[in-house]
Amino acid sequence: MLVRSIAKQIEELPLDRQREVSDFVAFLRYSVVSEPPLVRRKKGFVADDPFIGVWKDRKDLKNSAGWVRRLRQKEWGWQP
């Protein structure tokens, strides 16, 4: 019953609005189909994540403020 009611309302719309409805329905179908399932991760400590410490051995990042300053100077000609 709901589908028939919606179809009737769509038929009463001007053609350009009907196309908008069609585009929106296509968007909704795509978003439902393409959504990846949620992956639940086991709770744990952030410090145990393998990503933590990925830059620990980088000598150019020992002084992060200096690194940012040099990057800005190099890329943008920025002067403090």
PDB file of N, CA and C in Angstrom:
ATOM      1  N   MET A   1       0.821  -1.192   0.000  1.00  0.00           N
ATOM      2  CA  MET A   1       0.000   0.000   0.000  1.00  0.00           C
ATOM      3  C   MET A   1       0.867   1.260   0.000  1.00  0.00           C
ATOM      4  N   LEU A   2       1.899   1.259   0.795  1.00  0.00           N
ATOM      5  CA  LEU A   2       2.785   2.424   0.880  1.00  0.00           C
ATOM      6  C   LEU A   2       3.458   2.701  -0.459  1.00  0.00           C
ATOM      7  N   VAL A   3       3.908   1.654  -1.127  1.00  0.00           N
ATOM      8  CA  VAL A   3       4.591   1.813  -2.408  1.00  0.00           C
ATOM      9  C   VAL A   3       3.652   2.426  -3.437  1.00  0.00           C
ATOM     10  N   ARG A   4       2.416   1.977  -3.461  1.00  0.00           N
ATOM     11  CA  ARG A   4       1.431   2.529  -4.413  1.00  0.00           C
ATOM     12  C   ARG A   4       1.182   4.007  -4.132  1.00  0.00           C
ATOM     13  N   SER A   5       1.080   4.347  -2.872  1.00  0.00           N
ATOM     14  CA  SER A   5       0.852   5.747  -2.494  1.00  0.00           C
ATOM     15  C   SER A   5       2.024   6.627  -2.919  1.00  0.00           C
ATOM     16  N   ILE A   6       3.215   6.135  -2.694  1.00  0.00           N
ATOM     17  CA  ILE A   6       4.412   6.887  -3.092  1.00  0.00           C
ATOM     18  C   ILE A   6       4.479   7.000  -4.615  1.00  0.00           C
ATOM     19  N   ALA A   7       4.196   5.921  -5.317  1.00  0.00           N
ATOM     20  CA  ALA A   7       4.228   5.935  -6.779  1.00  0.00           C
ATOM     21  C   ALA A   7       3.233   6.949  -7.330  1.00  0.00           C
ATOM     22  N   LYS A   8       2.055   7.007  -6.742  1.00  0.00           N
ATOM     23  CA  LYS A   8       1.039   7.962  -7.195  1.00  0.00           C
ATOM     24  C   LYS A   8       1.527   9.390  -6.979  1.00  0.00           C
ATOM     25  N   GLN A   9       2.137   9.654  -5.836  1.00  0.00           N
ATOM     26  CA  GLN A   9       2.646  10.994  -5.556  1.00  0.00           C
ATOM     27  C   GLN A   9       3.770  11.373  -6.516  1.00  0.00           C
ATOM     28  N   ILE A  10       4.610  10.417  -6.852  1.00  0.00           N
ATOM     29  CA  ILE A  10       5.702  10.676  -7.788  1.00  0.00           C
ATOM     30  C   ILE A  10       5.156  10.980  -9.171  1.00  0.00           C
ATOM     31  N   GLU A  11       4.140  10.235  -9.594  1.00  0.00           N
ATOM     32  CA  GLU A  11       3.529  10.459 -10.913  1.00  0.00           C
ATOM     33  C   GLU A  11       2.929  11.854 -11.044  1.00  0.00           C
ATOM     34  N   GLU A  12       2.532  12.442  -9.935  1.00  0.00           N
ATOM     35  CA  GLU A  12       1.931  13.778  -9.951  1.00  0.00           C
ATOM     36  C   GLU A  12       2.985  14.892 -10.028  1.00  0.00           C
ATOM     37  N   LEU A  13       4.227  14.527  -9.841  1.00  0.00           N
ATOM     38  CA  LEU A  13       5.311  15.516  -9.890  1.00  0.00           C
ATOM     39  C   LEU A  13       5.686  15.839 -11.332  1.00  0.00           C
ATOM     40  N   PRO A  14       6.240  17.034 -11.558  1.00  0.00           N
ATOM     41  CA  PRO A  14       6.776  17.339 -12.893  1.00  0.00           C
ATOM     42  C   PRO A  14       7.925  16.383 -13.221  1.00  0.00           C
ATOM     43  N   LEU A  15       8.197  16.222 -14.513  1.00  0.00           N
ATOM     44  CA  LEU A  15       9.190  15.259 -14.973  1.00  0.00           C
ATOM     45  C   LEU A  15      10.569  15.495 -14.355  1.00  0.00           C
ATOM     46  N   ASP A  16      10.982  16.751 -14.240  1.00  0.00           N
ATOM     47  CA  ASP A  16      12.308  17.015 -13.664  1.00  0.00           C
ATOM     48  C   ASP A  16      12.383  16.577 -12.209  1.00  0.00           C
ATOM     49  N   ARG A  17      11.295  16.722 -11.473  1.00  0.00           N
ATOM     50  CA  ARG A  17      11.262  16.267 -10.075  1.00  0.00           C
ATOM     51  C   ARG A  17      11.220  14.740  -9.992  1.00  0.00           C
ATOM     52  N   GLN A  18      10.552  14.111 -10.948  1.00  0.00           N
ATOM     53  CA  GLN A  18      10.539  12.649 -10.990  1.00  0.00           C
ATOM     54  C   GLN A  18      11.959  12.119 -11.191  1.00  0.00           C
ATOM     55  N   ARG A  19      12.725  12.822 -12.025  1.00  0.00           N
ATOM     56  CA  ARG A  19      14.120  12.411 -12.230  1.00  0.00           C
ATOM     57  C   ARG A  19      14.925  12.560 -10.940  1.00  0.00           C
ATOM     58  N   GLU A  20      14.660  13.629 -10.195  1.00  0.00           N
ATOM     59  CA  GLU A  20      15.347  13.818  -8.912  1.00  0.00           C
ATOM     60  C   GLU A  20      15.026  12.675  -7.951  1.00  0.00           C
ATOM     61  N   VAL A  21      13.762  12.287  -7.915  1.00  0.00           N
ATOM     62  CA  VAL A  21      13.359  11.163  -7.060  1.00  0.00           C
ATOM     63  C   VAL A  21      14.091   9.901  -7.499  1.00  0.00           C
ATOM     64  N   SER A  22      14.156   9.682  -8.797  1.00  0.00           N
ATOM     65  CA  SER A  22      14.849   8.499  -9.319  1.00  0.00           C
ATOM     66  C   SER A  22      16.325   8.512  -8.928  1.00  0.00           C
ATOM     67  N   ASP A  23      16.958   9.684  -9.056  1.00  0.00           N
ATOM     68  CA  ASP A  23      18.366   9.805  -8.660  1.00  0.00           C
ATOM     69  C   ASP A  23      18.551   9.533  -7.171  1.00  0.00           C
ATOM     70  N   PHE A  24      17.619  10.054  -6.366  1.00  0.00           N
ATOM     71  CA  PHE A  24      17.714   9.857  -4.926  1.00  0.00           C
ATOM     72  C   PHE A  24      17.547   8.383  -4.564  1.00  0.00           C
ATOM     73  N   VAL A  25      16.611   7.720  -5.206  1.00  0.00           N
ATOM     74  CA  VAL A  25      16.412   6.285  -4.957  1.00  0.00           C
ATOM     75  C   VAL A  25      17.669   5.512  -5.349  1.00  0.00           C
ATOM     76  N   ALA A  26      18.285   5.877  -6.470  1.00  0.00           N
ATOM     77  CA  ALA A  26      19.527   5.217  -6.888  1.00  0.00           C
ATOM     78  C   ALA A  26      20.618   5.440  -5.846  1.00  0.00           C
ATOM     79  N   PHE A  27      20.696   6.662  -5.328  1.00  0.00           N
ATOM     80  CA  PHE A  27      21.672   6.960  -4.274  1.00  0.00           C
ATOM     81  C   PHE A  27      21.422   6.095  -3.038  1.00  0.00           C
ATOM     82  N   LEU A  28      20.171   6.005  -2.629  1.00  0.00           N
ATOM     83  CA  LEU A  28      19.845   5.200  -1.444  1.00  0.00           C
ATOM     84  C   LEU A  28      20.196   3.735  -1.660  1.00  0.00           C
ATOM     85  N   ARG A  29      19.884   3.219  -2.830  1.00  0.00           N
ATOM     86  CA  ARG A  29      20.195   1.811  -3.124  1.00  0.00           C
ATOM     87  C   ARG A  29      21.698   1.593  -3.100  1.00  0.00           C
ATOM     88  N   TYR A  30      22.444   2.511  -3.693  1.00  0.00           N
ATOM     89  CA  TYR A  30      23.905   2.385  -3.733  1.00  0.00           C
ATOM     90  C   TYR A  30      24.481   2.430  -2.322  1.00  0.00           C
ATOM     91  N   SER A  31      23.989   3.357  -1.506  1.00  0.00           N
ATOM     92  CA  SER A  31      24.550   3.487  -0.157  1.00  0.00           C
ATOM     93  C   SER A  31      24.254   2.266   0.703  1.00  0.00           C
ATOM     94  N   VAL A  32      23.117   1.628   0.484  1.00  0.00           N
ATOM     95  CA  VAL A  32      22.782   0.426   1.251  1.00  0.00           C
ATOM     96  C   VAL A  32      23.649  -0.739   0.804  1.00  0.00           C
ATOM     97  N   VAL A  33      23.845  -0.863  -0.491  1.00  0.00           N
ATOM     98  CA  VAL A  33      24.611  -1.978  -1.039  1.00  0.00           C
ATOM     99  C   VAL A  33      26.095  -1.821  -0.761  1.00  0.00           C
ATOM    100  N   SER A  34      26.602  -0.592  -0.839  1.00  0.00           N
ATOM    101  CA  SER A  34      28.047  -0.396  -0.759  1.00  0.00           C
ATOM    102  C   SER A  34      28.577  -0.194   0.655  1.00  0.00           C
ATOM    103  N   GLU A  35      27.708  -0.087   1.646  1.00  0.00           N
ATOM    104  CA  GLU A  35      28.198   0.109   3.000  1.00  0.00           C
ATOM    105  C   GLU A  35      28.882  -1.161   3.494  1.00  0.00           C
ATOM    106  N   PRO A  36      30.143  -1.041   3.882  1.00  0.00           N
ATOM    107  CA  PRO A  36      30.815  -2.225   4.414  1.00  0.00           C
ATOM    108  C   PRO A  36      30.261  -2.548   5.798  1.00  0.00           C
ATOM    109  N   PRO A  37      30.253  -3.790   6.150  1.00  0.00           N
ATOM    110  CA  PRO A  37      29.764  -4.145   7.488  1.00  0.00           C
ATOM    111  C   PRO A  37      30.705  -3.578   8.549  1.00  0.00           C
ATOM    112  N   LEU A  38      30.124  -3.234   9.661  1.00  0.00           N
ATOM    113  CA  LEU A  38      30.934  -2.728  10.766  1.00  0.00           C
ATOM    114  C   LEU A  38      31.815  -3.841  11.306  1.00  0.00           C
ATOM    115  N   VAL A  39      33.045  -3.514  11.528  1.00  0.00           N
ATOM    116  CA  VAL A  39      33.975  -4.488  12.089  1.00  0.00           C
ATOM    117  C   VAL A  39      34.202  -4.108  13.543  1.00  0.00           C
ATOM    118  N   ARG A  40      33.840  -4.981  14.388  1.00  0.00           N
ATOM    119  CA  ARG A  40      34.041  -4.733  15.821  1.00  0.00           C
ATOM    120  C   ARG A  40      35.420  -5.225  16.213  1.00  0.00           C
ATOM    121  N   ARG A  41      36.185  -4.331  16.791  1.00  0.00           N
ATOM    122  CA  ARG A  41      37.514  -4.708  17.238  1.00  0.00           C
ATOM    123  C   ARG A  41      37.472  -5.031  18.719  1.00  0.00           C
ATOM    124  N   LYS A  42      38.312  -5.910  19.088  1.00  0.00           N
ATOM    125  CA  LYS A  42      38.417  -6.259  20.491  1.00  0.00           C
ATOM    126  C   LYS A  42      38.977  -5.054  21.235  1.00  0.00           C
ATOM    127  N   LYS A  43      38.376  -4.719  22.353  1.00  0.00           N
ATOM    128  CA  LYS A  43      38.862  -3.588  23.134  1.00  0.00           C
ATOM    129  C   LYS A  43      40.215  -3.931  23.728  1.00  0.00           C
ATOM    130  N   GLY A  44      41.058  -2.944  23.745  1.00  0.00           N
ATOM    131  CA  GLY A  44      42.375  -3.136  24.313  1.00  0.00           C
ATOM    132  C   GLY A  44      43.011  -1.780  24.576  1.00  0.00           C
ATOM    133  N   PHE A  45      44.251  -1.805  24.893  1.00  0.00           N
ATOM    134  CA  PHE A  45      44.965  -0.575  25.171  1.00  0.00           C
ATOM    135  C   PHE A  45      45.484   0.025  23.873  1.00  0.00           C
ATOM    136  N   VAL A  46      45.355   1.333  23.735  1.00  0.00           N
ATOM    137  CA  VAL A  46      45.846   2.015  22.542  1.00  0.00           C
ATOM    138  C   VAL A  46      47.346   1.787  22.397  1.00  0.00           C
ATOM    139  N   ALA A  47      48.054   1.781  23.490  1.00  0.00           N
ATOM    140  CA  ALA A  47      49.510   1.609  23.448  1.00  0.00           C
ATOM    141  C   ALA A  47      49.916   0.264  22.859  1.00  0.00           C
ATOM    142  N   ASP A  48      49.013  -0.698  22.836  1.00  0.00           N
ATOM    143  CA  ASP A  48      49.328  -2.017  22.283  1.00  0.00           C
ATOM    144  C   ASP A  48      49.122  -2.083  20.772  1.00  0.00           C
ATOM    145  N   ASP A  49      48.547  -1.035  20.193  1.00  0.00           N
ATOM    146  CA  ASP A  49      48.303  -1.025  18.756  1.00  0.00           C
ATOM    147  C   ASP A  49      49.637  -0.960  18.018  1.00  0.00           C
ATOM    148  N   PRO A  50      49.808  -1.750  16.968  1.00  0.00           N
ATOM    149  CA  PRO A  50      51.081  -1.756  16.241  1.00  0.00           C
ATOM    150  C   PRO A  50      51.406  -0.408  15.597  1.00  0.00           C
ATOM    151  N   PHE A  51      50.401   0.425  15.388  1.00  0.00           N
ATOM    152  CA  PHE A  51      50.639   1.732  14.782  1.00  0.00           C
ATOM    153  C   PHE A  51      51.381   2.672  15.730  1.00  0.00           C
ATOM    154  N   ILE A  52      51.198   2.498  17.015  1.00  0.00           N
ATOM    155  CA  ILE A  52      51.834   3.377  17.990  1.00  0.00           C
ATOM    156  C   ILE A  52      53.347   3.222  17.878  1.00  0.00           C
ATOM    157  N   GLY A  53      54.016   4.339  17.759  1.00  0.00           N
ATOM    158  CA  GLY A  53      55.470   4.337  17.676  1.00  0.00           C
ATOM    159  C   GLY A  53      56.017   4.148  16.280  1.00  0.00           C
ATOM    160  N   VAL A  54      55.152   4.238  15.261  1.00  0.00           N
ATOM    161  CA  VAL A  54      55.596   3.995  13.901  1.00  0.00           C
ATOM    162  C   VAL A  54      56.666   4.993  13.457  1.00  0.00           C
ATOM    163  N   TRP A  55      56.682   6.192  14.055  1.00  0.00           N
ATOM    164  CA  TRP A  55      57.665   7.206  13.674  1.00  0.00           C
ATOM    165  C   TRP A  55      58.750   7.388  14.736  1.00  0.00           C
ATOM    166  N   LYS A  56      58.840   6.503  15.677  1.00  0.00           N
ATOM    167  CA  LYS A  56      59.747   6.712  16.806  1.00  0.00           C
ATOM    168  C   LYS A  56      61.218   6.787  16.402  1.00  0.00           C
ATOM    169  N   ASP A  57      61.613   6.158  15.314  1.00  0.00           N
ATOM    170  CA  ASP A  57      63.019   6.147  14.912  1.00  0.00           C
ATOM    171  C   ASP A  57      63.352   7.222  13.883  1.00  0.00           C
ATOM    172  N   ARG A  58      62.416   8.102  13.583  1.00  0.00           N
ATOM    173  CA  ARG A  58      62.684   9.156  12.593  1.00  0.00           C
ATOM    174  C   ARG A  58      63.438  10.294  13.254  1.00  0.00           C
ATOM    175  N   LYS A  59      64.646  10.516  12.803  1.00  0.00           N
ATOM    176  CA  LYS A  59      65.490  11.558  13.383  1.00  0.00           C
ATOM    177  C   LYS A  59      64.989  12.956  13.033  1.00  0.00           C
ATOM    178  N   ASP A  60      64.352  13.102  11.867  1.00  0.00           N
ATOM    179  CA  ASP A  60      63.861  14.420  11.459  1.00  0.00           C
ATOM    180  C   ASP A  60      62.637  14.876  12.253  1.00  0.00           C
ATOM    181  N   LEU A  61      62.054  13.986  13.049  1.00  0.00           N
ATOM    182  CA  LEU A  61      60.874  14.356  13.829  1.00  0.00           C
ATOM    183  C   LEU A  61      61.158  14.461  15.329  1.00  0.00           C
ATOM    184  N   LYS A  62      62.400  14.444  15.715  1.00  0.00           N
ATOM    185  CA  LYS A  62      62.723  14.557  17.149  1.00  0.00           C
ATOM    186  C   LYS A  62      62.181  15.870  17.708  1.00  0.00           C
ATOM    187  N   ASN A  63      62.341  16.945  16.940  1.00  0.00           N
ATOM    188  CA  ASN A  63      61.823  18.247  17.334  1.00  0.00           C
ATOM    189  C   ASN A  63      60.648  18.550  16.406  1.00  0.00           C
ATOM    190  N   SER A  64      59.435  18.217  16.822  1.00  0.00           N
ATOM    191  CA  SER A  64      58.274  18.337  15.934  1.00  0.00           C
ATOM    192  C   SER A  64      57.989  19.781  15.548  1.00  0.00           C
ATOM    193  N   ALA A  65      58.183  20.724  16.479  1.00  0.00           N
ATOM    194  CA  ALA A  65      57.947  22.135  16.155  1.00  0.00           C
ATOM    195  C   ALA A  65      58.932  22.596  15.082  1.00  0.00           C
ATOM    196  N   GLY A  66      60.174  22.188  15.192  1.00  0.00           N
ATOM    197  CA  GLY A  66      61.182  22.533  14.186  1.00  0.00           C
ATOM    198  C   GLY A  66      60.863  21.902  12.849  1.00  0.00           C
ATOM    199  N   TRP A  67      60.384  20.674  12.877  1.00  0.00           N
ATOM    200  CA  TRP A  67      60.024  19.979  11.643  1.00  0.00           C
ATOM    201  C   TRP A  67      58.905  20.712  10.925  1.00  0.00           C
ATOM    202  N   VAL A  68      57.873  21.134  11.668  1.00  0.00           N
ATOM    203  CA  VAL A  68      56.756  21.871  11.078  1.00  0.00           C
ATOM    204  C   VAL A  68      57.253  23.204  10.529  1.00  0.00           C
ATOM    205  N   ARG A  69      58.091  23.899  11.273  1.00  0.00           N
ATOM    206  CA  ARG A  69      58.634  25.180  10.830  1.00  0.00           C
ATOM    207  C   ARG A  69      59.392  25.018   9.511  1.00  0.00           C
ATOM    208  N   ARG A  70      60.258  24.021   9.430  1.00  0.00           N
ATOM    209  CA  ARG A  70      61.027  23.784   8.200  1.00  0.00           C
ATOM    210  C   ARG A  70      60.110  23.422   7.039  1.00  0.00           C
ATOM    211  N   LEU A  71      59.095  22.625   7.307  1.00  0.00           N
ATOM    212  CA  LEU A  71      58.150  22.237   6.264  1.00  0.00           C
ATOM    213  C   LEU A  71      57.409  23.458   5.727  1.00  0.00           C
ATOM    214  N   ARG A  72      56.956  24.329   6.630  1.00  0.00           N
ATOM    215  CA  ARG A  72      56.254  25.541   6.200  1.00  0.00           C
ATOM    216  C   ARG A  72      57.178  26.446   5.386  1.00  0.00           C
ATOM    217  N   GLN A  73      58.411  26.577   5.831  1.00  0.00           N
ATOM    218  CA  GLN A  73      59.356  27.410   5.090  1.00  0.00           C
ATOM    219  C   GLN A  73      59.597  26.845   3.697  1.00  0.00           C
ATOM    220  N   LYS A  74      59.761  25.552   3.615  1.00  0.00           N
ATOM    221  CA  LYS A  74      60.037  24.896   2.331  1.00  0.00           C
ATOM    222  C   LYS A  74      58.847  24.980   1.382  1.00  0.00           C
ATOM    223  N   GLU A  75      57.650  24.669   1.885  1.00  0.00           N
ATOM    224  CA  GLU A  75      56.468  24.575   1.020  1.00  0.00           C
ATOM    225  C   GLU A  75      55.817  25.919   0.741  1.00  0.00           C
ATOM    226  N   TRP A  76      55.809  26.803   1.722  1.00  0.00           N
ATOM    227  CA  TRP A  76      55.036  28.040   1.582  1.00  0.00           C
ATOM    228  C   TRP A  76      55.905  29.287   1.647  1.00  0.00           C
ATOM    229  N   GLY A  77      57.185  29.118   1.903  1.00  0.00           N
ATOM    230  CA  GLY A  77      58.026  30.292   2.063  1.00  0.00           C
ATOM    231  C   GLY A  77      57.660  31.064   3.323  1.00  0.00           C
ATOM    232  N   TRP A  78      57.088  30.360   4.274  1.00  0.00           N
ATOM    233  CA  TRP A  78      56.597  30.955   5.514  1.00  0.00           C
ATOM    234  C   TRP A  78      57.762  31.279   6.431  1.00  0.00           C
ATOM    235  N   GLN A  79      57.714  32.459   7.006  1.00  0.00           N
ATOM    236  CA  GLN A  79      58.744  32.871   7.969  1.00  0.00           C
ATOM    237  C   GLN A  79      58.067  33.191   9.293  1.00  0.00           C
ATOM    238  N   PRO A  80      58.631  32.728  10.401  1.00  0.00           N
ATOM    239  CA  PRO A  80      58.017  33.021  11.720  1.00  0.00           C
ATOM    240  C   PRO A  80      58.109  34.493  12.068  1.00  0.00           C
TER     241      PRO A  80
END
